Amino acid sequence: MKKIISILTAAMLLSSVAACKKKDEQQAAPQQQQTTEAPRGPIVEPAPQGHGAPGEMPSGHGTAPVKKMEFQVVVPPDVQDKWPAVRFVVEDRKQNRTEELTASIGGEMKIPGSNLTVKVGPFLPDFTMTAGTITSASGDLNNPAVGVVVYENGTQIFPEPGKKWGWLWSRKELQMMHPFQHERFALMLKEGVAK
């Protein structure tokens, strides 16, 4: 009887040791996989003190609208003296007709056959924009643009209300950047008119 109990005890001891060994191997395998796999998702560092979690507004910030940056337009004196007017191309889609109109800088121009009036603003022959400033890099026609405001029946329709100027470019690749949009008329800058 002692022999049977000894054999059973030895068998139980061996099976428990083997079971523990398998359990340790199973736990070690996922740990090895975790160290060889690339981390999933973005690596997010804790936010600095006073800031919210990623995706949240920082503390102290509400849902107030973000104020857009206001640009100051600076026309160099030599540009102002050299370019007193601009020439526009007006396309009447209804009449299938194109017409060129010249307007003085600072003046207004009525588009024939319509209730549209164009207020002509600054002309920049070499339009450039830096932090907070729109100006002309030179007096040469490298990137001609003119600021305009278009009214229909006395109501501003271009640029959107609240903006001072809508910009029209003479370079074809830039004309579609912020175009004047109207169901019947298209308005584009053709060129500056020098003294």
Protein backbone atom coordinates (compact mmCIF):
# COMPACT_ATOMS: atom_id res chain seq x y z
CA MET A 1 0.00 0.00 0.00
CA LYS A 2 2.83 2.37 0.79
CA LYS A 3 4.21 1.66 -2.64
CA ILE A 4 0.93 2.62 -4.38
CA ILE A 5 0.63 5.83 -2.37
CA SER A 6 4.25 6.71 -3.21
CA ILE A 7 3.64 6.10 -6.92
CA LEU A 8 0.39 8.15 -6.88
CA THR A 9 2.09 10.99 -5.00
CA ALA A 10 5.01 10.97 -7.44
CA ALA A 11 2.59 10.96 -10.43
CA MET A 12 0.60 13.87 -8.99
CA LEU A 13 3.77 15.79 -8.28
CA LEU A 14 5.06 15.24 -11.83
CA SER A 15 1.73 16.22 -13.42
CA SER A 16 1.49 19.41 -11.34
CA VAL A 17 5.06 20.39 -12.24
CA ALA A 18 4.34 19.70 -15.93
CA ALA A 19 1.12 21.73 -15.78
CA CYS A 20 2.89 24.71 -14.22
CA LYS A 21 5.61 24.49 -16.85
CA LYS A 22 3.01 24.59 -19.71
CA LYS A 23 1.23 27.53 -18.09
CA ASP A 24 4.53 29.47 -17.83
CA GLU A 25 5.30 28.72 -21.51
CA GLN A 26 1.83 29.93 -22.59
CA GLN A 27 2.25 33.18 -20.65
CA ALA A 28 5.76 33.72 -22.00
CA ALA A 29 4.70 33.25 -25.65
CA PRO A 30 2.28 36.23 -25.77
CA GLN A 31 4.86 38.41 -24.04
CA GLN A 32 7.40 37.55 -26.74
CA GLN A 33 4.81 38.36 -29.45
CA GLN A 34 4.02 41.67 -27.83
CA THR A 35 7.63 42.74 -27.88
CA THR A 36 8.10 41.84 -31.56
CA GLU A 37 4.82 43.37 -32.84
CA ALA A 38 4.64 47.04 -33.78
CA PRO A 39 2.45 49.07 -31.45
CA ARG A 40 -1.09 49.58 -32.66
CA GLY A 41 -2.57 53.06 -33.03
CA PRO A 42 -0.84 56.37 -32.56
CA ILE A 43 1.70 56.85 -29.84
CA VAL A 44 0.17 59.47 -27.60
CA GLU A 45 2.25 61.25 -25.05
CA PRO A 46 0.55 62.76 -22.05
CA ALA A 47 -0.70 66.30 -22.63
CA PRO A 48 1.19 69.14 -20.98
CA GLN A 49 -0.28 70.48 -17.78
CA GLY A 50 -3.33 72.66 -18.43
CA HIS A 51 -4.14 70.95 -21.72
CA GLY A 52 -6.92 68.45 -22.31
CA ALA A 53 -6.65 64.94 -23.62
CA PRO A 54 -5.97 64.46 -27.34
CA GLY A 55 -9.00 65.46 -29.39
CA GLU A 56 -10.38 67.70 -26.65
CA MET A 57 -10.27 71.47 -26.42
CA PRO A 58 -7.65 72.70 -23.94
CA SER A 59 -9.05 73.84 -20.63
CA GLY A 60 -10.34 77.40 -20.64
CA HIS A 61 -11.33 77.21 -24.30
CA GLY A 62 -14.97 77.24 -25.28
CA THR A 63 -16.59 76.77 -28.62
CA ALA A 64 -16.15 80.40 -29.64
CA PRO A 65 -15.47 80.79 -33.38
CA VAL A 66 -11.87 81.05 -34.44
CA LYS A 67 -11.10 84.57 -35.66
CA LYS A 68 -9.61 84.55 -39.13
CA MET A 69 -6.37 86.40 -39.64
CA GLU A 70 -6.84 89.88 -41.10
CA PHE A 71 -4.33 90.79 -43.77
CA GLN A 72 -3.03 94.30 -44.28
CA VAL A 73 -2.71 95.28 -47.94
CA VAL A 74 0.38 97.37 -48.64
CA VAL A 75 0.80 98.89 -52.12
CA PRO A 76 4.36 100.18 -52.59
CA PRO A 77 4.46 103.82 -53.81
CA ASP A 78 6.27 102.93 -57.07
CA VAL A 79 3.52 100.40 -57.89
CA GLN A 80 0.78 102.92 -57.08
CA ASP A 81 2.39 105.49 -59.39
CA LYS A 82 2.99 103.07 -62.28
CA TRP A 83 -0.42 101.30 -62.45
CA PRO A 84 -3.46 103.66 -62.42
CA ALA A 85 -5.97 101.21 -63.96
CA VAL A 86 -6.75 97.57 -64.74
CA ARG A 87 -8.44 95.77 -67.62
CA PHE A 88 -11.06 93.09 -66.95
CA VAL A 89 -12.55 90.40 -69.15
CA VAL A 90 -16.30 90.06 -68.60
CA GLU A 91 -18.03 86.98 -69.97
CA ASP A 92 -21.81 87.06 -70.42
CA ARG A 93 -22.84 83.40 -70.54
CA LYS A 94 -26.45 84.19 -71.47
CA GLN A 95 -25.47 86.29 -74.51
CA ASN A 96 -22.42 84.09 -75.22
CA ARG A 97 -20.30 87.24 -75.42
CA THR A 98 -16.97 88.42 -73.99
CA GLU A 99 -16.06 92.05 -73.43
CA GLU A 100 -13.00 93.91 -72.09
CA LEU A 101 -13.61 96.77 -69.65
CA THR A 102 -11.05 99.16 -68.16
CA ALA A 103 -11.48 100.66 -64.70
CA SER A 104 -9.42 103.04 -62.56
CA ILE A 105 -7.86 101.82 -59.34
CA GLY A 106 -10.12 103.01 -56.52
CA GLY A 107 -13.04 103.51 -58.92
CA GLU A 108 -16.21 101.62 -59.75
CA MET A 109 -17.31 99.91 -62.93
CA LYS A 110 -20.81 98.85 -63.99
CA ILE A 111 -21.08 95.60 -65.94
CA PRO A 112 -23.28 96.41 -68.98
CA GLY A 113 -26.65 94.64 -69.16
CA SER A 114 -26.62 93.74 -65.47
CA ASN A 115 -27.20 95.03 -61.95
CA LEU A 116 -23.55 94.30 -61.10
CA THR A 117 -21.12 96.98 -59.93
CA VAL A 118 -17.42 96.29 -59.36
CA LYS A 119 -15.48 98.38 -56.84
CA VAL A 120 -11.82 98.24 -57.88
CA GLY A 121 -9.31 98.03 -55.04
CA PRO A 122 -5.54 97.66 -54.92
CA PHE A 123 -3.64 96.35 -57.94
CA LEU A 124 -0.52 94.32 -57.18
CA PRO A 125 1.56 93.42 -60.27
CA ASP A 126 3.65 90.90 -58.33
CA PHE A 127 1.18 89.67 -55.68
CA THR A 128 2.78 88.11 -52.64
CA MET A 129 1.44 87.23 -49.21
CA THR A 130 3.44 86.90 -46.02
CA ALA A 131 2.41 86.62 -42.38
CA GLY A 132 -0.34 89.21 -42.13
CA THR A 133 0.64 91.28 -45.20
CA ILE A 134 -0.42 91.25 -48.85
CA THR A 135 1.83 93.32 -51.10
CA SER A 136 3.69 93.41 -54.41
CA ALA A 137 7.22 92.01 -54.47
CA SER A 138 8.06 94.28 -57.42
CA GLY A 139 6.53 96.58 -60.02
CA ASP A 140 6.81 93.88 -62.71
CA LEU A 141 3.87 91.82 -64.01
CA ASN A 142 5.01 88.52 -62.47
CA ASN A 143 1.81 87.63 -60.59
CA PRO A 144 -0.82 90.33 -61.29
CA ALA A 145 -3.83 90.49 -58.98
CA VAL A 146 -6.48 93.05 -58.12
CA GLY A 147 -8.72 93.33 -55.08
CA VAL A 148 -12.39 93.83 -55.94
CA VAL A 149 -15.81 93.95 -54.31
CA VAL A 150 -18.79 93.02 -56.49
CA TYR A 151 -22.29 94.27 -55.68
CA GLU A 152 -25.57 93.08 -57.17
CA ASN A 153 -28.47 95.49 -56.66
CA GLY A 154 -26.38 97.18 -53.95
CA THR A 155 -25.71 93.95 -51.99
CA GLN A 156 -22.16 92.61 -51.72
CA ILE A 157 -21.90 89.20 -53.40
CA PHE A 158 -18.09 88.90 -53.76
CA PRO A 159 -16.12 88.33 -51.67
CA GLU A 160 -18.28 86.82 -48.97
CA PRO A 161 -19.61 89.46 -46.58
CA GLY A 162 -17.10 90.33 -43.87
CA LYS A 163 -14.08 90.16 -46.18
CA LYS A 164 -12.58 93.38 -47.47
CA TRP A 165 -11.37 92.23 -50.91
CA GLY A 166 -11.89 89.33 -53.27
CA TRP A 167 -8.79 88.75 -55.37
CA LEU A 168 -8.75 88.19 -59.13
CA TRP A 169 -5.57 87.04 -60.88
CA SER A 170 -4.57 87.34 -64.52
CA ARG A 171 -2.55 84.10 -64.52
CA LYS A 172 -4.78 81.29 -65.84
CA GLU A 173 -3.59 78.75 -63.27
CA LEU A 174 -4.60 81.08 -60.41
CA GLN A 175 -7.93 82.33 -61.78
CA MET A 176 -9.84 79.40 -60.30
CA MET A 177 -8.35 79.78 -56.80
CA HIS A 178 -11.10 82.12 -55.51
CA PRO A 179 -13.12 82.97 -58.61
CA PHE A 180 -16.02 85.37 -58.83
CA GLN A 181 -19.06 83.11 -59.22
CA HIS A 182 -22.30 84.29 -60.76
CA GLU A 183 -24.98 82.42 -62.68
CA ARG A 184 -24.65 84.66 -65.74
CA PHE A 185 -21.35 86.57 -65.61
CA ALA A 186 -17.70 85.65 -65.21
CA LEU A 187 -15.20 88.36 -64.24
CA MET A 188 -11.45 87.96 -64.68
CA LEU A 189 -8.44 90.27 -64.51
CA LYS A 190 -6.74 90.59 -67.89
CA GLU A 191 -3.91 92.99 -67.02
CA GLY A 192 -2.75 96.12 -65.32
CA VAL A 193 -2.76 99.33 -67.37
CA ALA A 194 0.51 101.26 -66.96
CA LYS A 195 0.89 105.06 -67.22
